[in-house]
PDB file of N, CA and C in Angstrom:
ATOM      1  N   MET A   1     -23.014  77.389  39.664  1.00  0.00           N
ATOM      2  CA  MET A   1     -22.821  76.732  40.940  1.00  0.00           C
ATOM      3  C   MET A   1     -24.091  76.913  41.774  1.00  0.00           C
ATOM      4  N   ILE A   2     -24.608  75.842  42.281  1.00  0.00           N
ATOM      5  CA  ILE A   2     -25.881  75.861  42.992  1.00  0.00           C
ATOM      6  C   ILE A   2     -25.832  76.757  44.219  1.00  0.00           C
ATOM      7  N   THR A   3     -24.780  76.658  45.012  1.00  0.00           N
ATOM      8  CA  THR A   3     -24.743  77.437  46.248  1.00  0.00           C
ATOM      9  C   THR A   3     -24.783  78.930  45.982  1.00  0.00           C
ATOM     10  N   THR A   4     -24.172  79.379  44.916  1.00  0.00           N
ATOM     11  CA  THR A   4     -24.211  80.808  44.639  1.00  0.00           C
ATOM     12  C   THR A   4     -25.595  81.233  44.185  1.00  0.00           C
ATOM     13  N   SER A   5     -26.315  80.359  43.483  1.00  0.00           N
ATOM     14  CA  SER A   5     -27.681  80.680  43.098  1.00  0.00           C
ATOM     15  C   SER A   5     -28.561  80.786  44.335  1.00  0.00           C
ATOM     16  N   VAL A   6     -28.349  79.882  45.300  1.00  0.00           N
ATOM     17  CA  VAL A   6     -29.096  79.941  46.551  1.00  0.00           C
ATOM     18  C   VAL A   6     -28.738  81.221  47.297  1.00  0.00           C
ATOM     19  N   GLU A   7     -27.450  81.545  47.333  1.00  0.00           N
ATOM     20  CA  GLU A   7     -27.014  82.777  47.999  1.00  0.00           C
ATOM     21  C   GLU A   7     -27.690  83.989  47.380  1.00  0.00           C
ATOM     22  N   LYS A   8     -27.695  84.055  46.073  1.00  0.00           N
ATOM     23  CA  LYS A   8     -28.315  85.188  45.369  1.00  0.00           C
ATOM     24  C   LYS A   8     -29.819  85.241  45.654  1.00  0.00           C
ATOM     25  N   TYR A   9     -30.481  84.096  45.628  1.00  0.00           N
ATOM     26  CA  TYR A   9     -31.911  84.044  45.903  1.00  0.00           C
ATOM     27  C   TYR A   9     -32.210  84.536  47.321  1.00  0.00           C
ATOM     28  N   LEU A  10     -31.456  84.037  48.300  1.00  0.00           N
ATOM     29  CA  LEU A  10     -31.679  84.460  49.685  1.00  0.00           C
ATOM     30  C   LEU A  10     -31.454  85.958  49.849  1.00  0.00           C
ATOM     31  N   ALA A  11     -30.428  86.481  49.197  1.00  0.00           N
ATOM     32  CA  ALA A  11     -30.162  87.916  49.279  1.00  0.00           C
ATOM     33  C   ALA A  11     -31.289  88.714  48.620  1.00  0.00           C
ATOM     34  N   ASP A  12     -31.721  88.258  47.453  1.00  0.00           N
ATOM     35  CA  ASP A  12     -32.781  88.962  46.733  1.00  0.00           C
ATOM     36  C   ASP A  12     -34.102  88.980  47.507  1.00  0.00           C
ATOM     37  N   THR A  13     -34.320  87.984  48.361  1.00  0.00           N
ATOM     38  CA  THR A  13     -35.557  87.916  49.141  1.00  0.00           C
ATOM     39  C   THR A  13     -35.366  88.441  50.564  1.00  0.00           C
ATOM     40  N   GLY A  14     -34.200  89.065  50.819  1.00  0.00           N
ATOM     41  CA  GLY A  14     -33.953  89.674  52.119  1.00  0.00           C
ATOM     42  C   GLY A  14     -33.686  88.705  53.250  1.00  0.00           C
ATOM     43  N   ARG A  15     -33.251  87.500  52.921  1.00  0.00           N
ATOM     44  CA  ARG A  15     -33.023  86.493  53.957  1.00  0.00           C
ATOM     45  C   ARG A  15     -31.567  86.084  54.102  1.00  0.00           C
ATOM     46  N   LEU A  16     -30.647  86.871  53.595  1.00  0.00           N
ATOM     47  CA  LEU A  16     -29.227  86.546  53.714  1.00  0.00           C
ATOM     48  C   LEU A  16     -28.537  87.625  54.528  1.00  0.00           C
ATOM     49  N   TYR A  17     -27.994  87.234  55.658  1.00  0.00           N
ATOM     50  CA  TYR A  17     -27.289  88.177  56.521  1.00  0.00           C
ATOM     51  C   TYR A  17     -25.794  88.164  56.242  1.00  0.00           C
ATOM     52  N   GLY A  18     -25.258  86.991  55.947  1.00  0.00           N
ATOM     53  CA  GLY A  18     -23.832  86.851  55.698  1.00  0.00           C
ATOM     54  C   GLY A  18     -23.572  85.528  55.012  1.00  0.00           C
ATOM     55  N   ALA A  19     -22.313  85.303  54.649  1.00  0.00           N
ATOM     56  CA  ALA A  19     -21.954  84.061  53.969  1.00  0.00           C
ATOM     57  C   ALA A  19     -20.568  83.624  54.409  1.00  0.00           C
ATOM     58  N   VAL A  20     -20.398  82.302  54.536  1.00  0.00           N
ATOM     59  CA  VAL A  20     -19.112  81.711  54.902  1.00  0.00           C
ATOM     60  C   VAL A  20     -18.816  80.607  53.902  1.00  0.00           C
ATOM     61  N   THR A  21     -17.636  80.651  53.284  1.00  0.00           N
ATOM     62  CA  THR A  21     -17.200  79.566  52.416  1.00  0.00           C
ATOM     63  C   THR A  21     -15.843  79.084  52.907  1.00  0.00           C
ATOM     64  N   ILE A  22     -15.645  77.786  52.814  1.00  0.00           N
ATOM     65  CA  ILE A  22     -14.390  77.166  53.242  1.00  0.00           C
ATOM     66  C   ILE A  22     -13.912  76.263  52.112  1.00  0.00           C
ATOM     67  N   GLY A  23     -12.669  76.480  51.683  1.00  0.00           N
ATOM     68  CA  GLY A  23     -12.100  75.662  50.627  1.00  0.00           C
ATOM     69  C   GLY A  23     -12.804  75.811  49.295  1.00  0.00           C
ATOM     70  N   ASN A  24     -13.271  76.999  48.987  1.00  0.00           N
ATOM     71  CA  ASN A  24     -13.992  77.267  47.751  1.00  0.00           C
ATOM     72  C   ASN A  24     -13.057  77.994  46.782  1.00  0.00           C
ATOM     73  N   PRO A  25     -12.680  77.355  45.689  1.00  0.00           N
ATOM     74  CA  PRO A  25     -11.718  77.982  44.775  1.00  0.00           C
ATOM     75  C   PRO A  25     -12.261  79.220  44.074  1.00  0.00           C
ATOM     76  N   LEU A  26     -13.568  79.343  43.975  1.00  0.00           N
ATOM     77  CA  LEU A  26     -14.138  80.449  43.213  1.00  0.00           C
ATOM     78  C   LEU A  26     -14.148  81.760  43.978  1.00  0.00           C
ATOM     79  N   HIS A  27     -13.803  81.729  45.272  1.00  0.00           N
ATOM     80  CA  HIS A  27     -13.811  82.987  46.023  1.00  0.00           C
ATOM     81  C   HIS A  27     -12.816  83.988  45.456  1.00  0.00           C
ATOM     82  N   LYS A  28     -11.800  83.497  44.762  1.00  0.00           N
ATOM     83  CA  LYS A  28     -10.802  84.384  44.162  1.00  0.00           C
ATOM     84  C   LYS A  28     -11.314  85.063  42.895  1.00  0.00           C
ATOM     85  N   TYR A  29     -12.372  84.525  42.322  1.00  0.00           N
ATOM     86  CA  TYR A  29     -12.858  84.981  41.029  1.00  0.00           C
ATOM     87  C   TYR A  29     -14.329  85.362  41.111  1.00  0.00           C
ATOM     88  N   PRO A  30     -14.641  86.518  41.700  1.00  0.00           N
ATOM     89  CA  PRO A  30     -16.041  86.924  41.860  1.00  0.00           C
ATOM     90  C   PRO A  30     -16.825  86.940  40.544  1.00  0.00           C
ATOM     91  N   TRP A  31     -16.148  87.190  39.449  1.00  0.00           N
ATOM     92  CA  TRP A  31     -16.824  87.233  38.159  1.00  0.00           C
ATOM     93  C   TRP A  31     -17.340  85.855  37.749  1.00  0.00           C
ATOM     94  N   MET A  32     -16.848  84.770  38.368  1.00  0.00           N
ATOM     95  CA  MET A  32     -17.310  83.425  38.062  1.00  0.00           C
ATOM     96  C   MET A  32     -18.517  83.028  38.907  1.00  0.00           C
ATOM     97  N   MET A  33     -18.794  83.795  39.939  1.00  0.00           N
ATOM     98  CA  MET A  33     -19.848  83.429  40.866  1.00  0.00           C
ATOM     99  C   MET A  33     -20.971  84.461  40.841  1.00  0.00           C
ATOM    100  N   GLU A  34     -22.167  83.990  40.960  1.00  0.00           N
ATOM    101  CA  GLU A  34     -23.301  84.890  41.082  1.00  0.00           C
ATOM    102  C   GLU A  34     -23.506  85.126  42.580  1.00  0.00           C
ATOM    103  N   ARG A  35     -22.662  85.981  43.137  1.00  0.00           N
ATOM    104  CA  ARG A  35     -22.680  86.218  44.569  1.00  0.00           C
ATOM    105  C   ARG A  35     -23.593  87.380  44.905  1.00  0.00           C
ATOM    106  N   ALA A  36     -24.090  87.303  46.108  1.00  0.00           N
ATOM    107  CA  ALA A  36     -24.900  88.401  46.611  1.00  0.00           C
ATOM    108  C   ALA A  36     -23.988  89.544  47.020  1.00  0.00           C
ATOM    109  N   ALA A  37     -24.454  90.751  46.837  1.00  0.00           N
ATOM    110  CA  ALA A  37     -23.712  91.915  47.318  1.00  0.00           C
ATOM    111  C   ALA A  37     -23.973  92.019  48.818  1.00  0.00           C
ATOM    112  N   LEU A  38     -22.926  91.859  49.604  1.00  0.00           N
ATOM    113  CA  LEU A  38     -23.046  91.930  51.063  1.00  0.00           C
ATOM    114  C   LEU A  38     -22.201  93.085  51.577  1.00  0.00           C
ATOM    115  N   PRO A  39     -22.627  93.701  52.670  1.00  0.00           N
ATOM    116  CA  PRO A  39     -21.827  94.769  53.264  1.00  0.00           C
ATOM    117  C   PRO A  39     -20.473  94.242  53.749  1.00  0.00           C
ATOM    118  N   GLU A  40     -19.533  95.136  53.893  1.00  0.00           N
ATOM    119  CA  GLU A  40     -18.197  94.803  54.404  1.00  0.00           C
ATOM    120  C   GLU A  40     -18.323  94.027  55.714  1.00  0.00           C
ATOM    121  N   GLY A  41     -17.568  92.960  55.831  1.00  0.00           N
ATOM    122  CA  GLY A  41     -17.553  92.177  57.055  1.00  0.00           C
ATOM    123  C   GLY A  41     -18.642  91.127  57.158  1.00  0.00           C
ATOM    124  N   LYS A  42     -19.435  90.972  56.109  1.00  0.00           N
ATOM    125  CA  LYS A  42     -20.531  89.996  56.150  1.00  0.00           C
ATOM    126  C   LYS A  42     -20.232  88.752  55.319  1.00  0.00           C
ATOM    127  N   ARG A  43     -18.999  88.636  54.860  1.00  0.00           N
ATOM    128  CA  ARG A  43     -18.585  87.469  54.082  1.00  0.00           C
ATOM    129  C   ARG A  43     -17.230  86.998  54.585  1.00  0.00           C
ATOM    130  N   VAL A  44     -17.127  85.691  54.806  1.00  0.00           N
ATOM    131  CA  VAL A  44     -15.857  85.092  55.208  1.00  0.00           C
ATOM    132  C   VAL A  44     -15.526  84.009  54.187  1.00  0.00           C
ATOM    133  N   ASP A  45     -14.428  84.179  53.479  1.00  0.00           N
ATOM    134  CA  ASP A  45     -13.923  83.182  52.531  1.00  0.00           C
ATOM    135  C   ASP A  45     -12.610  82.658  53.092  1.00  0.00           C
ATOM    136  N   TYR A  46     -12.512  81.357  53.268  1.00  0.00           N
ATOM    137  CA  TYR A  46     -11.313  80.781  53.879  1.00  0.00           C
ATOM    138  C   TYR A  46     -10.748  79.670  53.016  1.00  0.00           C
ATOM    139  N   CYS A  47      -9.527  79.849  52.587  1.00  0.00           N
ATOM    140  CA  CYS A  47      -8.773  78.821  51.893  1.00  0.00           C
ATOM    141  C   CYS A  47      -7.402  78.718  52.542  1.00  0.00           C
ATOM    142  N   LEU A  48      -7.029  77.506  52.907  1.00  0.00           N
ATOM    143  CA  LEU A  48      -5.714  77.304  53.502  1.00  0.00           C
ATOM    144  C   LEU A  48      -4.621  77.552  52.468  1.00  0.00           C
ATOM    145  N   GLU A  49      -3.561  78.157  52.921  1.00  0.00           N
ATOM    146  CA  GLU A  49      -2.410  78.340  52.046  1.00  0.00           C
ATOM    147  C   GLU A  49      -1.908  76.963  51.625  1.00  0.00           C
ATOM    148  N   GLY A  50      -1.749  76.761  50.342  1.00  0.00           N
ATOM    149  CA  GLY A  50      -1.265  75.492  49.826  1.00  0.00           C
ATOM    150  C   GLY A  50      -2.353  74.477  49.530  1.00  0.00           C
ATOM    151  N   ASP A  51      -3.609  74.796  49.794  1.00  0.00           N
ATOM    152  CA  ASP A  51      -4.720  73.901  49.449  1.00  0.00           C
ATOM    153  C   ASP A  51      -4.880  73.956  47.932  1.00  0.00           C
ATOM    154  N   VAL A  52      -4.682  72.832  47.282  1.00  0.00           N
ATOM    155  CA  VAL A  52      -4.688  72.795  45.817  1.00  0.00           C
ATOM    156  C   VAL A  52      -6.025  73.252  45.236  1.00  0.00           C
ATOM    157  N   VAL A  53      -7.087  73.151  46.004  1.00  0.00           N
ATOM    158  CA  VAL A  53      -8.386  73.594  45.512  1.00  0.00           C
ATOM    159  C   VAL A  53      -8.415  75.115  45.354  1.00  0.00           C
ATOM    160  N   CYS A  54      -7.636  75.810  46.171  1.00  0.00           N
ATOM    161  CA  CYS A  54      -7.612  77.275  46.124  1.00  0.00           C
ATOM    162  C   CYS A  54      -6.295  77.839  45.600  1.00  0.00           C
ATOM    163  N   ASP A  55      -5.244  77.053  45.686  1.00  0.00           N
ATOM    164  CA  ASP A  55      -3.899  77.482  45.291  1.00  0.00           C
ATOM    165  C   ASP A  55      -3.521  76.675  44.048  1.00  0.00           C
ATOM    166  N   PHE A  56      -3.466  77.346  42.922  1.00  0.00           N
ATOM    167  CA  PHE A  56      -3.237  76.654  41.662  1.00  0.00           C
ATOM    168  C   PHE A  56      -1.758  76.547  41.285  1.00  0.00           C
ATOM    169  N   SER A  57      -0.879  76.653  42.278  1.00  0.00           N
ATOM    170  CA  SER A  57       0.556  76.578  41.998  1.00  0.00           C
ATOM    171  C   SER A  57       0.996  75.137  41.774  1.00  0.00           C
ATOM    172  N   LEU A  58       2.135  74.979  41.111  1.00  0.00           N
ATOM    173  CA  LEU A  58       2.692  73.644  40.890  1.00  0.00           C
ATOM    174  C   LEU A  58       3.056  72.978  42.209  1.00  0.00           C
ATOM    175  N   GLU A  59       3.522  73.772  43.169  1.00  0.00           N
ATOM    176  CA  GLU A  59       3.895  73.223  44.475  1.00  0.00           C
ATOM    177  C   GLU A  59       2.677  72.619  45.173  1.00  0.00           C
ATOM    178  N   ALA A  60       1.557  73.327  45.142  1.00  0.00           N
ATOM    179  CA  ALA A  60       0.336  72.836  45.772  1.00  0.00           C
ATOM    180  C   ALA A  60      -0.173  71.587  45.046  1.00  0.00           C
ATOM    181  N   ALA A  61      -0.074  71.571  43.736  1.00  0.00           N
ATOM    182  CA  ALA A  61      -0.514  70.408  42.968  1.00  0.00           C
ATOM    183  C   ALA A  61       0.359  69.197  43.281  1.00  0.00           C
ATOM    184  N   ASN A  62       1.649  69.402  43.342  1.00  0.00           N
ATOM    185  CA  ASN A  62       2.572  68.318  43.664  1.00  0.00           C
ATOM    186  C   ASN A  62       2.298  67.773  45.060  1.00  0.00           C
ATOM    187  N   ASP A  63       2.091  68.666  46.011  1.00  0.00           N
ATOM    188  CA  ASP A  63       1.787  68.257  47.382  1.00  0.00           C
ATOM    189  C   ASP A  63       0.474  67.471  47.422  1.00  0.00           C
ATOM    190  N   ALA A  64      -0.528  67.936  46.712  1.00  0.00           N
ATOM    191  CA  ALA A  64      -1.833  67.251  46.698  1.00  0.00           C
ATOM    192  C   ALA A  64      -1.711  65.844  46.120  1.00  0.00           C
ATOM    193  N   LEU A  65      -0.920  65.708  45.074  1.00  0.00           N
ATOM    194  CA  LEU A  65      -0.732  64.382  44.475  1.00  0.00           C
ATOM    195  C   LEU A  65      -0.020  63.431  45.431  1.00  0.00           C
ATOM    196  N   SER A  66       0.954  63.942  46.151  1.00  0.00           N
ATOM    197  CA  SER A  66       1.721  63.069  47.038  1.00  0.00           C
ATOM    198  C   SER A  66       1.030  62.792  48.370  1.00  0.00           C
ATOM    199  N   THR A  67       0.018  63.597  48.738  1.00  0.00           N
ATOM    200  CA  THR A  67      -0.659  63.404  50.034  1.00  0.00           C
ATOM    201  C   THR A  67      -2.147  63.110  49.887  1.00  0.00           C
ATOM    202  N   LYS A  68      -2.594  62.845  48.660  1.00  0.00           N
ATOM    203  CA  LYS A  68      -4.024  62.622  48.390  1.00  0.00           C
ATOM    204  C   LYS A  68      -4.863  63.809  48.858  1.00  0.00           C
ATOM    205  N   ALA A  69      -4.384  65.000  48.557  1.00  0.00           N
ATOM    206  CA  ALA A  69      -5.071  66.261  48.878  1.00  0.00           C
ATOM    207  C   ALA A  69      -5.361  66.402  50.369  1.00  0.00           C
ATOM    208  N   GLU A  70      -4.437  65.947  51.164  1.00  0.00           N
ATOM    209  CA  GLU A  70      -4.582  66.002  52.627  1.00  0.00           C
ATOM    210  C   GLU A  70      -4.856  67.411  53.151  1.00  0.00           C
ATOM    211  N   LYS A  71      -4.199  68.399  52.571  1.00  0.00           N
ATOM    212  CA  LYS A  71      -4.379  69.774  53.051  1.00  0.00           C
ATOM    213  C   LYS A  71      -5.834  70.225  52.919  1.00  0.00           C
ATOM    214  N   HIS A  72      -6.501  69.856  51.828  1.00  0.00           N
ATOM    215  CA  HIS A  72      -7.895  70.283  51.631  1.00  0.00           C
ATOM    216  C   HIS A  72      -8.819  69.687  52.702  1.00  0.00           C
ATOM    217  N   ALA A  73      -8.444  68.555  53.229  1.00  0.00           N
ATOM    218  CA  ALA A  73      -9.274  67.897  54.255  1.00  0.00           C
ATOM    219  C   ALA A  73      -8.822  68.246  55.673  1.00  0.00           C
ATOM    220  N   SER A  74      -7.987  69.259  55.820  1.00  0.00           N
ATOM    221  CA  SER A  74      -7.400  69.514  57.141  1.00  0.00           C
ATOM    222  C   SER A  74      -7.832  70.822  57.794  1.00  0.00           C
ATOM    223  N   TYR A  75      -8.900  71.414  57.314  1.00  0.00           N
ATOM    224  CA  TYR A  75      -9.363  72.666  57.915  1.00  0.00           C
ATOM    225  C   TYR A  75      -9.755  72.430  59.371  1.00  0.00           C
ATOM    226  N   PHE A  76      -9.218  73.255  60.263  1.00  0.00           N
ATOM    227  CA  PHE A  76      -9.546  73.253  61.689  1.00  0.00           C
ATOM    228  C   PHE A  76      -9.212  71.939  62.396  1.00  0.00           C
ATOM    229  N   LEU A  77      -8.276  71.177  61.861  1.00  0.00           N
ATOM    230  CA  LEU A  77      -7.855  69.949  62.514  1.00  0.00           C
ATOM    231  C   LEU A  77      -6.555  70.180  63.277  1.00  0.00           C
ATOM    232  N   ASN A  78      -6.351  69.363  64.298  1.00  0.00           N
ATOM    233  CA  ASN A  78      -5.140  69.400  65.104  1.00  0.00           C
ATOM    234  C   ASN A  78      -4.964  70.775  65.752  1.00  0.00           C
ATOM    235  N   GLU A  79      -3.729  71.231  65.842  1.00  0.00           N
ATOM    236  CA  GLU A  79      -3.466  72.535  66.452  1.00  0.00           C
ATOM    237  C   GLU A  79      -3.908  73.641  65.494  1.00  0.00           C
ATOM    238  N   LEU A  80      -4.670  74.583  66.031  1.00  0.00           N
ATOM    239  CA  LEU A  80      -5.178  75.668  65.189  1.00  0.00           C
ATOM    240  C   LEU A  80      -4.046  76.598  64.769  1.00  0.00           C
ATOM    241  N   SER A  81      -4.070  76.965  63.502  1.00  0.00           N
ATOM    242  CA  SER A  81      -3.089  77.910  62.981  1.00  0.00           C
ATOM    243  C   SER A  81      -3.588  79.329  63.249  1.00  0.00           C
ATOM    244  N   PRO A  82      -2.698  80.318  63.143  1.00  0.00           N
ATOM    245  CA  PRO A  82      -3.162  81.706  63.261  1.00  0.00           C
ATOM    246  C   PRO A  82      -4.247  82.025  62.226  1.00  0.00           C
ATOM    247  N   GLN A  83      -4.147  81.441  61.054  1.00  0.00           N
ATOM    248  CA  GLN A  83      -5.152  81.647  60.000  1.00  0.00           C
ATOM    249  C   GLN A  83      -6.499  81.055  60.453  1.00  0.00           C
ATOM    250  N   ASP A  84      -6.485  79.847  61.054  1.00  0.00           N
ATOM    251  CA  ASP A  84      -7.718  79.240  61.575  1.00  0.00           C
ATOM    252  C   ASP A  84      -8.356  80.148  62.626  1.00  0.00           C
ATOM    253  N   ILE A  85      -7.552  80.639  63.532  1.00  0.00           N
ATOM    254  CA  ILE A  85      -8.048  81.476  64.630  1.00  0.00           C
ATOM    255  C   ILE A  85      -8.673  82.763  64.091  1.00  0.00           C
ATOM    256  N   ARG A  86      -8.041  83.366  63.091  1.00  0.00           N
ATOM    257  CA  ARG A  86      -8.578  84.586  62.485  1.00  0.00           C
ATOM    258  C   ARG A  86      -9.953  84.311  61.871  1.00  0.00           C
ATOM    259  N   VAL A  87     -10.081  83.192  61.165  1.00  0.00           N
ATOM    260  CA  VAL A  87     -11.352  82.854  60.523  1.00  0.00           C
ATOM    261  C   VAL A  87     -12.419  82.540  61.578  1.00  0.00           C
ATOM    262  N   ILE A  88     -12.045  81.821  62.622  1.00  0.00           N
ATOM    263  CA  ILE A  88     -12.981  81.532  63.712  1.00  0.00           C
ATOM    264  C   ILE A  88     -13.485  82.842  64.316  1.00  0.00           C
ATOM    265  N   ASP A  89     -12.583  83.781  64.536  1.00  0.00           N
ATOM    266  CA  ASP A  89     -12.976  85.083  65.082  1.00  0.00           C
ATOM    267  C   ASP A  89     -13.919  85.827  64.133  1.00  0.00           C
ATOM    268  N   GLU A  90     -13.641  85.784  62.832  1.00  0.00           N
ATOM    269  CA  GLU A  90     -14.498  86.462  61.858  1.00  0.00           C
ATOM    270  C   GLU A  90     -15.901  85.848  61.828  1.00  0.00           C
ATOM    271  N   VAL A  91     -15.976  84.516  61.871  1.00  0.00           N
ATOM    272  CA  VAL A  91     -17.281  83.851  61.865  1.00  0.00           C
ATOM    273  C   VAL A  91     -18.014  84.135  63.176  1.00  0.00           C
ATOM    274  N   ALA A  92     -17.298  84.097  64.299  1.00  0.00           N
ATOM    275  CA  ALA A  92     -17.917  84.399  65.598  1.00  0.00           C
ATOM    276  C   ALA A  92     -18.470  85.820  65.595  1.00  0.00           C
ATOM    277  N   TRP A  93     -17.722  86.778  65.035  1.00  0.00           N
ATOM    278  CA  TRP A  93     -18.211  88.153  64.956  1.00  0.00           C
ATOM    279  C   TRP A  93     -19.469  88.219  64.098  1.00  0.00           C
ATOM    280  N   LEU A  94     -19.442  87.536  62.966  1.00  0.00           N
ATOM    281  CA  LEU A  94     -20.599  87.529  62.069  1.00  0.00           C
ATOM    282  C   LEU A  94     -21.827  86.980  62.795  1.00  0.00           C
ATOM    283  N   LEU A  95     -21.647  85.905  63.549  1.00  0.00           N
ATOM    284  CA  LEU A  95     -22.770  85.297  64.272  1.00  0.00           C
ATOM    285  C   LEU A  95     -23.236  86.129  65.464  1.00  0.00           C
ATOM    286  N   SER A  96     -22.308  86.790  66.125  1.00  0.00           N
ATOM    287  CA  SER A  96     -22.678  87.556  67.320  1.00  0.00           C
ATOM    288  C   SER A  96     -23.137  88.978  67.004  1.00  0.00           C
ATOM    289  N   ASP A  97     -23.041  89.358  65.752  1.00  0.00           N
ATOM    290  CA  ASP A  97     -23.399  90.709  65.331  1.00  0.00           C
ATOM    291  C   ASP A  97     -24.926  90.869  65.160  1.00  0.00           C
ATOM    292  N   GLY A  98     -25.674  89.939  65.716  1.00  0.00           N
ATOM    293  CA  GLY A  98     -27.124  90.037  65.592  1.00  0.00           C
ATOM    294  C   GLY A  98     -27.638  89.455  64.297  1.00  0.00           C
ATOM    295  N   ALA A  99     -26.929  88.473  63.767  1.00  0.00           N
ATOM    296  CA  ALA A  99     -27.309  87.877  62.490  1.00  0.00           C
ATOM    297  C   ALA A  99     -28.783  87.486  62.495  1.00  0.00           C
ATOM    298  N   GLY A 100     -29.521  88.135  61.638  1.00  0.00           N
ATOM    299  CA  GLY A 100     -30.929  87.801  61.478  1.00  0.00           C
ATOM    300  C   GLY A 100     -31.846  88.427  62.508  1.00  0.00           C
ATOM    301  N   VAL A 101     -31.320  89.043  63.540  1.00  0.00           N
ATOM    302  CA  VAL A 101     -32.168  89.618  64.582  1.00  0.00           C
ATOM    303  C   VAL A 101     -32.886  90.827  64.023  1.00  0.00           C
ATOM    304  N   GLY A 102     -34.167  90.774  64.064  1.00  0.00           N
ATOM    305  CA  GLY A 102     -34.964  91.902  63.585  1.00  0.00           C
ATOM    306  C   GLY A 102     -35.026  92.026  62.079  1.00  0.00           C
ATOM    307  N   ALA A 103     -34.392  91.104  61.388  1.00  0.00           N
ATOM    308  CA  ALA A 103     -34.378  91.188  59.929  1.00  0.00           C
ATOM    309  C   ALA A 103     -35.589  90.516  59.334  1.00  0.00           C
TER     310      ALA A 103
END
């Protein structure tokens, strides 16, 4: 996966402070990704519950077929869920933590 190679390259050259992925199915399987080793709290992986891209259940697949994968295209739309708010807070913390300052 290209993005993970870029992530690894940036980390290896000291230019990666943190990482955010949204709707990425591989976040569940670190062994499939060439990810950079980041300190605790420097990575945010967000997959909506029931998003067929991240949830491989029959229920999620059935829902995706009947709605043209609407859930995968619905991150941060309409009224924010508690899950959306938590992720927004995590990304805001990552950005306000001095990302890149002095690095």
